[in-house]
């Protein structure tokens, strides 16, 4: 998460350290379902934005300038290995969330 930090990955530390740690016993299933839904939407958004259709928008001078200032966490990758490493933290979070739901 350090390499592609931005506004879109900010809810993870807020949820874990701001909400889940304040629960008296442990977070309920609704909390984990919400994190799972957010992660699925985030992986889908990252994948869709890296399609060739959005390439002119993500390569424009305006987007690169404002994304450098705002740190949105959305980047344009040309090849598949870099795209997979870009989405790997969210995919790992999804895998552990699914294992946690299976265990519960």
PDB file of N, CA and C in Angstrom:
ATOM      1  N   UNK A   1       0.828  -1.189   0.000  1.00  0.00           N
ATOM      2  CA  UNK A   1       0.000   0.000   0.000  1.00  0.00           C
ATOM      3  C   UNK A   1       0.871   1.251   0.000  1.00  0.00           C
ATOM      4  N   UNK A   2       2.115   1.109   0.388  1.00  0.00           N
ATOM      5  CA  UNK A   2       3.002   2.263   0.440  1.00  0.00           C
ATOM      6  C   UNK A   2       3.282   2.788  -0.963  1.00  0.00           C
ATOM      7  N   UNK A   3       3.434   1.896  -1.927  1.00  0.00           N
ATOM      8  CA  UNK A   3       3.798   2.318  -3.272  1.00  0.00           C
ATOM      9  C   UNK A   3       2.658   3.029  -3.987  1.00  0.00           C
ATOM     10  N   UNK A   4       1.420   2.629  -3.779  1.00  0.00           N
ATOM     11  CA  UNK A   4       0.293   3.264  -4.470  1.00  0.00           C
ATOM     12  C   UNK A   4      -0.677   3.890  -3.473  1.00  0.00           C
ATOM     13  N   UNK A   5      -0.126   4.561  -2.492  1.00  0.00           N
ATOM     14  CA  UNK A   5      -0.971   5.193  -1.485  1.00  0.00           C
ATOM     15  C   UNK A   5      -1.730   6.360  -2.098  1.00  0.00           C
ATOM     16  N   UNK A   6      -2.912   6.591  -1.584  1.00  0.00           N
ATOM     17  CA  UNK A   6      -3.734   7.679  -2.069  1.00  0.00           C
ATOM     18  C   UNK A   6      -5.049   7.718  -1.331  1.00  0.00           C
ATOM     19  N   UNK A   7      -5.919   8.580  -1.803  1.00  0.00           N
ATOM     20  CA  UNK A   7      -7.224   8.728  -1.164  1.00  0.00           C
ATOM     21  C   UNK A   7      -8.050   7.456  -1.217  1.00  0.00           C
ATOM     22  N   UNK A   8      -7.886   6.664  -2.289  1.00  0.00           N
ATOM     23  CA  UNK A   8      -8.731   5.482  -2.416  1.00  0.00           C
ATOM     24  C   UNK A   8      -8.304   4.353  -1.487  1.00  0.00           C
ATOM     25  N   UNK A   9      -7.073   4.373  -1.004  1.00  0.00           N
ATOM     26  CA  UNK A   9      -6.650   3.343  -0.054  1.00  0.00           C
ATOM     27  C   UNK A   9      -6.650   3.843   1.386  1.00  0.00           C
ATOM     28  N   UNK A  10      -7.074   5.064   1.604  1.00  0.00           N
ATOM     29  CA  UNK A  10      -7.120   5.633   2.948  1.00  0.00           C
ATOM     30  C   UNK A  10      -8.164   4.994   3.860  1.00  0.00           C
ATOM     31  N   UNK A  11      -9.306   4.503   3.358  1.00  0.00           N
ATOM     32  CA  UNK A  11     -10.277   3.872   4.262  1.00  0.00           C
ATOM     33  C   UNK A  11      -9.771   2.622   4.976  1.00  0.00           C
ATOM     34  N   UNK A  12      -8.768   1.935   4.452  1.00  0.00           N
ATOM     35  CA  UNK A  12      -8.273   0.731   5.118  1.00  0.00           C
ATOM     36  C   UNK A  12      -7.675   1.029   6.497  1.00  0.00           C
ATOM     37  N   UNK A  13      -6.697   1.933   6.623  1.00  0.00           N
ATOM     38  CA  UNK A  13      -6.185   2.188   7.973  1.00  0.00           C
ATOM     39  C   UNK A  13      -7.204   2.859   8.884  1.00  0.00           C
ATOM     40  N   UNK A  14      -8.075   3.684   8.310  1.00  0.00           N
ATOM     41  CA  UNK A  14      -9.112   4.308   9.132  1.00  0.00           C
ATOM     42  C   UNK A  14     -10.056   3.249   9.669  1.00  0.00           C
ATOM     43  N   UNK A  15     -10.425   2.296   8.833  1.00  0.00           N
ATOM     44  CA  UNK A  15     -11.356   1.248   9.270  1.00  0.00           C
ATOM     45  C   UNK A  15     -10.724   0.340  10.309  1.00  0.00           C
ATOM     46  N   UNK A  16      -9.485  -0.039  10.100  1.00  0.00           N
ATOM     47  CA  UNK A  16      -8.852  -0.987  11.014  1.00  0.00           C
ATOM     48  C   UNK A  16      -8.450  -0.315  12.324  1.00  0.00           C
ATOM     49  N   UNK A  17      -7.788   0.830  12.237  1.00  0.00           N
ATOM     50  CA  UNK A  17      -7.289   1.463  13.453  1.00  0.00           C
ATOM     51  C   UNK A  17      -8.279   2.439  14.069  1.00  0.00           C
ATOM     52  N   UNK A  18      -9.210   2.938  13.289  1.00  0.00           N
ATOM     53  CA  UNK A  18     -10.152   3.904  13.818  1.00  0.00           C
ATOM     54  C   UNK A  18     -11.465   3.309  14.262  1.00  0.00           C
ATOM     55  N   UNK A  19     -11.900   2.247  13.624  1.00  0.00           N
ATOM     56  CA  UNK A  19     -13.205   1.676  13.942  1.00  0.00           C
ATOM     57  C   UNK A  19     -13.089   0.296  14.578  1.00  0.00           C
ATOM     58  N   UNK A  20     -12.363  -0.585  13.939  1.00  0.00           N
ATOM     59  CA  UNK A  20     -12.300  -1.976  14.398  1.00  0.00           C
ATOM     60  C   UNK A  20     -11.605  -2.099  15.742  1.00  0.00           C
ATOM     61  N   UNK A  21     -10.626  -1.271  15.995  1.00  0.00           N
ATOM     62  CA  UNK A  21      -9.902  -1.371  17.259  1.00  0.00           C
ATOM     63  C   UNK A  21     -10.731  -0.802  18.416  1.00  0.00           C
ATOM     64  N   UNK A  22     -11.727   0.030  18.101  1.00  0.00           N
ATOM     65  CA  UNK A  22     -12.562   0.618  19.147  1.00  0.00           C
ATOM     66  C   UNK A  22     -13.744  -0.269  19.528  1.00  0.00           C
ATOM     67  N   UNK A  23     -13.974  -1.326  18.775  1.00  0.00           N
ATOM     68  CA  UNK A  23     -15.054  -2.248  19.114  1.00  0.00           C
ATOM     69  C   UNK A  23     -14.726  -2.941  20.435  1.00  0.00           C
ATOM     70  N   UNK A  24     -15.755  -3.197  21.223  1.00  0.00           N
ATOM     71  CA  UNK A  24     -15.523  -3.779  22.537  1.00  0.00           C
ATOM     72  C   UNK A  24     -14.990  -5.209  22.437  1.00  0.00           C
ATOM     73  N   UNK A  25     -15.640  -6.015  21.607  1.00  0.00           N
ATOM     74  CA  UNK A  25     -15.158  -7.394  21.466  1.00  0.00           C
ATOM     75  C   UNK A  25     -14.387  -7.543  20.160  1.00  0.00           C
ATOM     76  N   UNK A  26     -15.072  -7.617  19.065  1.00  0.00           N
ATOM     77  CA  UNK A  26     -14.443  -7.664  17.749  1.00  0.00           C
ATOM     78  C   UNK A  26     -15.447  -7.144  16.741  1.00  0.00           C
ATOM     79  N   UNK A  27     -14.984  -6.701  15.578  1.00  0.00           N
ATOM     80  CA  UNK A  27     -15.920  -6.187  14.577  1.00  0.00           C
ATOM     81  C   UNK A  27     -16.854  -7.288  14.096  1.00  0.00           C
ATOM     82  N   UNK A  28     -18.086  -6.903  13.835  1.00  0.00           N
ATOM     83  CA  UNK A  28     -19.087  -7.864  13.389  1.00  0.00           C
ATOM     84  C   UNK A  28     -18.981  -8.174  11.911  1.00  0.00           C
ATOM     85  N   UNK A  29     -19.886  -9.010  11.453  1.00  0.00           N
ATOM     86  CA  UNK A  29     -19.849  -9.435  10.053  1.00  0.00           C
ATOM     87  C   UNK A  29     -20.195  -8.301   9.102  1.00  0.00           C
ATOM     88  N   UNK A  30     -20.993  -7.331   9.555  1.00  0.00           N
ATOM     89  CA  UNK A  30     -21.328  -6.191   8.687  1.00  0.00           C
ATOM     90  C   UNK A  30     -20.094  -5.340   8.396  1.00  0.00           C
ATOM     91  N   UNK A  31     -19.217  -5.202   9.373  1.00  0.00           N
ATOM     92  CA  UNK A  31     -17.971  -4.455   9.156  1.00  0.00           C
ATOM     93  C   UNK A  31     -17.122  -5.132   8.088  1.00  0.00           C
ATOM     94  N   UNK A  32     -16.937  -6.441   8.216  1.00  0.00           N
ATOM     95  CA  UNK A  32     -16.104  -7.156   7.249  1.00  0.00           C
ATOM     96  C   UNK A  32     -16.761  -7.224   5.884  1.00  0.00           C
ATOM     97  N   UNK A  33     -18.081  -7.304   5.834  1.00  0.00           N
ATOM     98  CA  UNK A  33     -18.780  -7.280   4.546  1.00  0.00           C
ATOM     99  C   UNK A  33     -18.601  -5.926   3.875  1.00  0.00           C
ATOM    100  N   UNK A  34     -18.628  -4.855   4.650  1.00  0.00           N
ATOM    101  CA  UNK A  34     -18.409  -3.524   4.086  1.00  0.00           C
ATOM    102  C   UNK A  34     -17.011  -3.356   3.537  1.00  0.00           C
ATOM    103  N   UNK A  35     -16.013  -3.860   4.262  1.00  0.00           N
ATOM    104  CA  UNK A  35     -14.634  -3.801   3.775  1.00  0.00           C
ATOM    105  C   UNK A  35     -14.474  -4.652   2.514  1.00  0.00           C
ATOM    106  N   UNK A  36     -15.137  -5.806   2.485  1.00  0.00           N
ATOM    107  CA  UNK A  36     -15.063  -6.673   1.299  1.00  0.00           C
ATOM    108  C   UNK A  36     -15.687  -5.997   0.091  1.00  0.00           C
ATOM    109  N   UNK A  37     -16.840  -5.388   0.265  1.00  0.00           N
ATOM    110  CA  UNK A  37     -17.508  -4.704  -0.853  1.00  0.00           C
ATOM    111  C   UNK A  37     -16.656  -3.541  -1.343  1.00  0.00           C
ATOM    112  N   UNK A  38     -16.079  -2.780  -0.417  1.00  0.00           N
ATOM    113  CA  UNK A  38     -15.204  -1.675  -0.816  1.00  0.00           C
ATOM    114  C   UNK A  38     -13.994  -2.193  -1.594  1.00  0.00           C
ATOM    115  N   UNK A  39     -13.403  -3.301  -1.158  1.00  0.00           N
ATOM    116  CA  UNK A  39     -12.232  -3.857  -1.833  1.00  0.00           C
ATOM    117  C   UNK A  39     -12.570  -4.361  -3.226  1.00  0.00           C
ATOM    118  N   UNK A  40     -13.720  -4.999  -3.365  1.00  0.00           N
ATOM    119  CA  UNK A  40     -14.131  -5.482  -4.689  1.00  0.00           C
ATOM    120  C   UNK A  40     -14.367  -4.304  -5.623  1.00  0.00           C
ATOM    121  N   UNK A  41     -15.028  -3.281  -5.139  1.00  0.00           N
ATOM    122  CA  UNK A  41     -15.264  -2.094  -5.968  1.00  0.00           C
ATOM    123  C   UNK A  41     -13.953  -1.406  -6.337  1.00  0.00           C
ATOM    124  N   UNK A  42     -13.019  -1.373  -5.409  1.00  0.00           N
ATOM    125  CA  UNK A  42     -11.731  -0.740  -5.666  1.00  0.00           C
ATOM    126  C   UNK A  42     -10.917  -1.508  -6.705  1.00  0.00           C
ATOM    127  N   UNK A  43     -10.875  -2.825  -6.600  1.00  0.00           N
ATOM    128  CA  UNK A  43     -10.148  -3.631  -7.586  1.00  0.00           C
ATOM    129  C   UNK A  43     -10.801  -3.500  -8.961  1.00  0.00           C
ATOM    130  N   UNK A  44     -12.123  -3.496  -8.996  1.00  0.00           N
ATOM    131  CA  UNK A  44     -12.835  -3.331 -10.269  1.00  0.00           C
ATOM    132  C   UNK A  44     -12.548  -1.971 -10.877  1.00  0.00           C
ATOM    133  N   UNK A  45     -12.578  -0.922 -10.065  1.00  0.00           N
ATOM    134  CA  UNK A  45     -12.298   0.425 -10.561  1.00  0.00           C
ATOM    135  C   UNK A  45     -10.879   0.538 -11.092  1.00  0.00           C
ATOM    136  N   UNK A  46      -9.918  -0.013 -10.358  1.00  0.00           N
ATOM    137  CA  UNK A  46      -8.527   0.043 -10.810  1.00  0.00           C
ATOM    138  C   UNK A  46      -8.335  -0.709 -12.117  1.00  0.00           C
ATOM    139  N   UNK A  47      -8.987  -1.858 -12.230  1.00  0.00           N
ATOM    140  CA  UNK A  47      -8.859  -2.635 -13.467  1.00  0.00           C
ATOM    141  C   UNK A  47      -9.515  -1.909 -14.636  1.00  0.00           C
ATOM    142  N   UNK A  48     -10.717  -1.383 -14.433  1.00  0.00           N
ATOM    143  CA  UNK A  48     -11.424  -0.701 -15.517  1.00  0.00           C
ATOM    144  C   UNK A  48     -10.705   0.560 -15.968  1.00  0.00           C
ATOM    145  N   UNK A  49     -10.127   1.290 -15.044  1.00  0.00           N
ATOM    146  CA  UNK A  49      -9.421   2.508 -15.422  1.00  0.00           C
ATOM    147  C   UNK A  49      -8.125   2.228 -16.163  1.00  0.00           C
ATOM    148  N   UNK A  50      -7.607   1.021 -16.084  1.00  0.00           N
ATOM    149  CA  UNK A  50      -6.394   0.683 -16.819  1.00  0.00           C
ATOM    150  C   UNK A  50      -6.680   0.068 -18.183  1.00  0.00           C
ATOM    151  N   UNK A  51      -7.933   0.037 -18.599  1.00  0.00           N
ATOM    152  CA  UNK A  51      -8.251  -0.395 -19.956  1.00  0.00           C
ATOM    153  C   UNK A  51      -7.831   0.690 -20.940  1.00  0.00           C
ATOM    154  N   UNK A  52      -7.664   0.307 -22.205  1.00  0.00           N
ATOM    155  CA  UNK A  52      -7.214   1.260 -23.217  1.00  0.00           C
ATOM    156  C   UNK A  52      -8.207   2.388 -23.461  1.00  0.00           C
ATOM    157  N   UNK A  53      -9.453   2.188 -23.106  1.00  0.00           N
ATOM    158  CA  UNK A  53     -10.475   3.215 -23.314  1.00  0.00           C
ATOM    159  C   UNK A  53     -10.168   4.478 -22.500  1.00  0.00           C
ATOM    160  N   UNK A  54      -9.639   4.328 -21.300  1.00  0.00           N
ATOM    161  CA  UNK A  54      -9.347   5.461 -20.427  1.00  0.00           C
ATOM    162  C   UNK A  54      -7.914   5.966 -20.558  1.00  0.00           C
ATOM    163  N   UNK A  55      -7.141   5.399 -21.470  1.00  0.00           N
ATOM    164  CA  UNK A  55      -5.744   5.783 -21.625  1.00  0.00           C
ATOM    165  C   UNK A  55      -5.567   7.259 -21.976  1.00  0.00           C
ATOM    166  N   UNK A  56      -6.350   7.838 -22.891  1.00  0.00           N
ATOM    167  CA  UNK A  56      -6.167   9.273 -23.166  1.00  0.00           C
ATOM    168  C   UNK A  56      -6.431  10.151 -21.943  1.00  0.00           C
ATOM    169  N   UNK A  57      -7.408   9.782 -21.127  1.00  0.00           N
ATOM    170  CA  UNK A  57      -7.705  10.569 -19.929  1.00  0.00           C
ATOM    171  C   UNK A  57      -6.603  10.452 -18.886  1.00  0.00           C
ATOM    172  N   UNK A  58      -6.133   9.231 -18.639  1.00  0.00           N
ATOM    173  CA  UNK A  58      -5.113   9.025 -17.608  1.00  0.00           C
ATOM    174  C   UNK A  58      -3.739   9.516 -18.037  1.00  0.00           C
ATOM    175  N   UNK A  59      -3.513   9.666 -19.339  1.00  0.00           N
ATOM    176  CA  UNK A  59      -2.228  10.154 -19.836  1.00  0.00           C
ATOM    177  C   UNK A  59      -2.233  11.655 -20.091  1.00  0.00           C
ATOM    178  N   UNK A  60      -3.357  12.301 -19.897  1.00  0.00           N
ATOM    179  CA  UNK A  60      -3.442  13.739 -20.165  1.00  0.00           C
ATOM    180  C   UNK A  60      -2.631  14.524 -19.138  1.00  0.00           C
ATOM    181  N   UNK A  61      -2.213  15.715 -19.542  1.00  0.00           N
ATOM    182  CA  UNK A  61      -1.403  16.548 -18.657  1.00  0.00           C
ATOM    183  C   UNK A  61      -2.185  16.984 -17.424  1.00  0.00           C
ATOM    184  N   UNK A  62      -3.473  17.246 -17.588  1.00  0.00           N
ATOM    185  CA  UNK A  62      -4.290  17.684 -16.458  1.00  0.00           C
ATOM    186  C   UNK A  62      -4.412  16.620 -15.383  1.00  0.00           C
ATOM    187  N   UNK A  63      -4.647  15.373 -15.789  1.00  0.00           N
ATOM    188  CA  UNK A  63      -4.780  14.300 -14.805  1.00  0.00           C
ATOM    189  C   UNK A  63      -3.470  14.030 -14.096  1.00  0.00           C
ATOM    190  N   UNK A  64      -2.365  13.988 -14.844  1.00  0.00           N
ATOM    191  CA  UNK A  64      -1.078  13.701 -14.208  1.00  0.00           C
ATOM    192  C   UNK A  64      -0.675  14.829 -13.263  1.00  0.00           C
ATOM    193  N   UNK A  65      -1.009  16.069 -13.611  1.00  0.00           N
ATOM    194  CA  UNK A  65      -0.669  17.197 -12.741  1.00  0.00           C
ATOM    195  C   UNK A  65      -1.488  17.165 -11.455  1.00  0.00           C
ATOM    196  N   UNK A  66      -2.797  16.979 -11.585  1.00  0.00           N
ATOM    197  CA  UNK A  66      -3.645  16.986 -10.399  1.00  0.00           C
ATOM    198  C   UNK A  66      -3.500  15.714  -9.565  1.00  0.00           C
ATOM    199  N   UNK A  67      -3.216  14.591 -10.189  1.00  0.00           N
ATOM    200  CA  UNK A  67      -3.018  13.375  -9.404  1.00  0.00           C
ATOM    201  C   UNK A  67      -1.707  13.423  -8.633  1.00  0.00           C
ATOM    202  N   UNK A  68      -0.738  14.200  -9.119  1.00  0.00           N
ATOM    203  CA  UNK A  68       0.511  14.378  -8.362  1.00  0.00           C
ATOM    204  C   UNK A  68       0.268  15.230  -7.122  1.00  0.00           C
ATOM    205  N   UNK A  69      -0.633  16.187  -7.219  1.00  0.00           N
ATOM    206  CA  UNK A  69      -0.937  17.037  -6.064  1.00  0.00           C
ATOM    207  C   UNK A  69      -1.870  16.356  -5.076  1.00  0.00           C
ATOM    208  N   UNK A  70      -2.879  15.659  -5.581  1.00  0.00           N
ATOM    209  CA  UNK A  70      -3.906  15.086  -4.717  1.00  0.00           C
ATOM    210  C   UNK A  70      -3.617  13.673  -4.265  1.00  0.00           C
ATOM    211  N   UNK A  71      -2.737  12.965  -4.955  1.00  0.00           N
ATOM    212  CA  UNK A  71      -2.419  11.567  -4.642  1.00  0.00           C
ATOM    213  C   UNK A  71      -3.691  10.726  -4.574  1.00  0.00           C
ATOM    214  N   UNK A  72      -4.344  10.582  -5.710  1.00  0.00           N
ATOM    215  CA  UNK A  72      -5.581   9.800  -5.761  1.00  0.00           C
ATOM    216  C   UNK A  72      -5.325   8.312  -5.598  1.00  0.00           C
ATOM    217  N   UNK A  73      -4.185   7.836  -6.032  1.00  0.00           N
ATOM    218  CA  UNK A  73      -3.893   6.409  -5.962  1.00  0.00           C
ATOM    219  C   UNK A  73      -4.267   5.683  -7.235  1.00  0.00           C
ATOM    220  N   UNK A  74      -4.630   6.426  -8.268  1.00  0.00           N
ATOM    221  CA  UNK A  74      -4.992   5.836  -9.565  1.00  0.00           C
ATOM    222  C   UNK A  74      -3.838   6.109 -10.527  1.00  0.00           C
ATOM    223  N   UNK A  75      -3.279   5.033 -11.064  1.00  0.00           N
ATOM    224  CA  UNK A  75      -2.150   5.138 -11.971  1.00  0.00           C
ATOM    225  C   UNK A  75      -2.450   4.347 -13.237  1.00  0.00           C
ATOM    226  N   UNK A  76      -1.781   4.725 -14.316  1.00  0.00           N
ATOM    227  CA  UNK A  76      -1.963   4.064 -15.599  1.00  0.00           C
ATOM    228  C   UNK A  76      -0.733   3.210 -15.889  1.00  0.00           C
ATOM    229  N   UNK A  77      -0.941   1.907 -16.031  1.00  0.00           N
ATOM    230  CA  UNK A  77       0.158   0.991 -16.329  1.00  0.00           C
ATOM    231  C   UNK A  77      -0.057   0.396 -17.711  1.00  0.00           C
ATOM    232  N   UNK A  78       1.025   0.279 -18.456  1.00  0.00           N
ATOM    233  CA  UNK A  78       0.959  -0.214 -19.829  1.00  0.00           C
ATOM    234  C   UNK A  78       1.019  -1.732 -19.924  1.00  0.00           C
ATOM    235  N   UNK A  79       1.692  -2.376 -18.973  1.00  0.00           N
ATOM    236  CA  UNK A  79       1.853  -3.828 -19.075  1.00  0.00           C
ATOM    237  C   UNK A  79       1.177  -4.525 -17.900  1.00  0.00           C
ATOM    238  N   UNK A  80       0.858  -5.778 -18.100  1.00  0.00           N
ATOM    239  CA  UNK A  80       0.097  -6.567 -17.140  1.00  0.00           C
ATOM    240  C   UNK A  80       0.840  -6.859 -15.835  1.00  0.00           C
ATOM    241  N   UNK A  81       2.136  -7.181 -15.848  1.00  0.00           N
ATOM    242  CA  UNK A  81       2.796  -7.450 -14.558  1.00  0.00           C
ATOM    243  C   UNK A  81       2.770  -6.258 -13.599  1.00  0.00           C
ATOM    244  N   UNK A  82       2.987  -5.047 -14.108  1.00  0.00           N
ATOM    245  CA  UNK A  82       2.922  -3.876 -13.241  1.00  0.00           C
ATOM    246  C   UNK A  82       1.503  -3.624 -12.744  1.00  0.00           C
ATOM    247  N   UNK A  83       0.514  -3.901 -13.575  1.00  0.00           N
ATOM    248  CA  UNK A  83      -0.882  -3.747 -13.168  1.00  0.00           C
ATOM    249  C   UNK A  83      -1.235  -4.738 -12.060  1.00  0.00           C
ATOM    250  N   UNK A  84      -0.735  -5.953 -12.160  1.00  0.00           N
ATOM    251  CA  UNK A  84      -1.010  -6.958 -11.130  1.00  0.00           C
ATOM    252  C   UNK A  84      -0.361  -6.562  -9.812  1.00  0.00           C
ATOM    253  N   UNK A  85       0.898  -6.083  -9.864  1.00  0.00           N
ATOM    254  CA  UNK A  85       1.552  -5.632  -8.629  1.00  0.00           C
ATOM    255  C   UNK A  85       0.868  -4.403  -8.050  1.00  0.00           C
ATOM    256  N   UNK A  86       0.265  -3.590  -8.909  1.00  0.00           N
ATOM    257  CA  UNK A  86      -0.478  -2.407  -8.474  1.00  0.00           C
ATOM    258  C   UNK A  86      -1.752  -2.804  -7.721  1.00  0.00           C
ATOM    259  N   UNK A  87      -2.402  -3.875  -8.160  1.00  0.00           N
ATOM    260  CA  UNK A  87      -3.650  -4.305  -7.530  1.00  0.00           C
ATOM    261  C   UNK A  87      -3.437  -5.398  -6.485  1.00  0.00           C
ATOM    262  N   UNK A  88      -2.229  -5.871  -6.306  1.00  0.00           N
ATOM    263  CA  UNK A  88      -1.946  -6.975  -5.395  1.00  0.00           C
ATOM    264  C   UNK A  88      -2.310  -6.710  -3.929  1.00  0.00           C
ATOM    265  N   UNK A  89      -2.092  -5.522  -3.373  1.00  0.00           N
ATOM    266  CA  UNK A  89      -2.502  -5.332  -1.964  1.00  0.00           C
ATOM    267  C   UNK A  89      -3.997  -5.511  -1.747  1.00  0.00           C
ATOM    268  N   UNK A  90      -4.817  -4.974  -2.647  1.00  0.00           N
ATOM    269  CA  UNK A  90      -6.261  -5.137  -2.500  1.00  0.00           C
ATOM    270  C   UNK A  90      -6.697  -6.575  -2.734  1.00  0.00           C
ATOM    271  N   UNK A  91      -6.034  -7.259  -3.646  1.00  0.00           N
ATOM    272  CA  UNK A  91      -6.350  -8.666  -3.884  1.00  0.00           C
ATOM    273  C   UNK A  91      -5.982  -9.501  -2.658  1.00  0.00           C
ATOM    274  N   UNK A  92      -4.851  -9.188  -2.032  1.00  0.00           N
ATOM    275  CA  UNK A  92      -4.471  -9.878  -0.802  1.00  0.00           C
ATOM    276  C   UNK A  92      -5.452  -9.622   0.328  1.00  0.00           C
ATOM    277  N   UNK A  93      -5.906  -8.381   0.459  1.00  0.00           N
ATOM    278  CA  UNK A  93      -6.912  -8.051   1.467  1.00  0.00           C
ATOM    279  C   UNK A  93      -8.186  -8.835   1.210  1.00  0.00           C
ATOM    280  N   UNK A  94      -8.593  -8.927  -0.050  1.00  0.00           N
ATOM    281  CA  UNK A  94      -9.793  -9.693  -0.402  1.00  0.00           C
ATOM    282  C   UNK A  94      -9.640 -11.170  -0.051  1.00  0.00           C
ATOM    283  N   UNK A  95      -8.470 -11.733  -0.331  1.00  0.00           N
ATOM    284  CA  UNK A  95      -8.248 -13.154  -0.010  1.00  0.00           C
ATOM    285  C   UNK A  95      -8.346 -13.396   1.491  1.00  0.00           C
ATOM    286  N   UNK A  96      -7.731 -12.541   2.286  1.00  0.00           N
ATOM    287  CA  UNK A  96      -7.795 -12.720   3.734  1.00  0.00           C
ATOM    288  C   UNK A  96      -9.195 -12.454   4.282  1.00  0.00           C
ATOM    289  N   UNK A  97      -9.928 -11.538   3.674  1.00  0.00           N
ATOM    290  CA  UNK A  97     -11.312 -11.316   4.100  1.00  0.00           C
ATOM    291  C   UNK A  97     -12.183 -12.529   3.804  1.00  0.00           C
ATOM    292  N   UNK A  98     -11.976 -13.142   2.647  1.00  0.00           N
ATOM    293  CA  UNK A  98     -12.747 -14.341   2.315  1.00  0.00           C
ATOM    294  C   UNK A  98     -12.408 -15.492   3.266  1.00  0.00           C
ATOM    295  N   UNK A  99     -11.130 -15.651   3.575  1.00  0.00           N
ATOM    296  CA  UNK A  99     -10.744 -16.695   4.539  1.00  0.00           C
ATOM    297  C   UNK A  99     -11.336 -16.417   5.912  1.00  0.00           C
ATOM    298  N   UNK A 100     -11.382 -15.156   6.291  1.00  0.00           N
ATOM    299  CA  UNK A 100     -11.972 -14.792   7.586  1.00  0.00           C
ATOM    300  C   UNK A 100     -13.471 -15.085   7.621  1.00  0.00           C
ATOM    301  N   UNK A 101     -14.168 -14.792   6.521  1.00  0.00           N
ATOM    302  CA  UNK A 101     -15.597 -15.087   6.456  1.00  0.00           C
ATOM    303  C   UNK A 101     -15.875 -16.589   6.450  1.00  0.00           C
ATOM    304  N   UNK A 102     -14.993 -17.352   5.799  1.00  0.00           N
ATOM    305  CA  UNK A 102     -15.167 -18.803   5.810  1.00  0.00           C
ATOM    306  C   UNK A 102     -14.961 -19.347   7.224  1.00  0.00           C
ATOM    307  N   UNK A 103     -13.972 -18.817   7.925  1.00  0.00           N
ATOM    308  CA  UNK A 103     -13.702 -19.277   9.285  1.00  0.00           C
ATOM    309  C   UNK A 103     -14.844 -18.935  10.240  1.00  0.00           C
ATOM    310  N   UNK A 104     -15.453 -17.757  10.053  1.00  0.00           N
ATOM    311  CA  UNK A 104     -16.544 -17.380  10.948  1.00  0.00           C
ATOM    312  C   UNK A 104     -17.792 -18.175  10.625  1.00  0.00           C
TER     313      UNK A 104
END
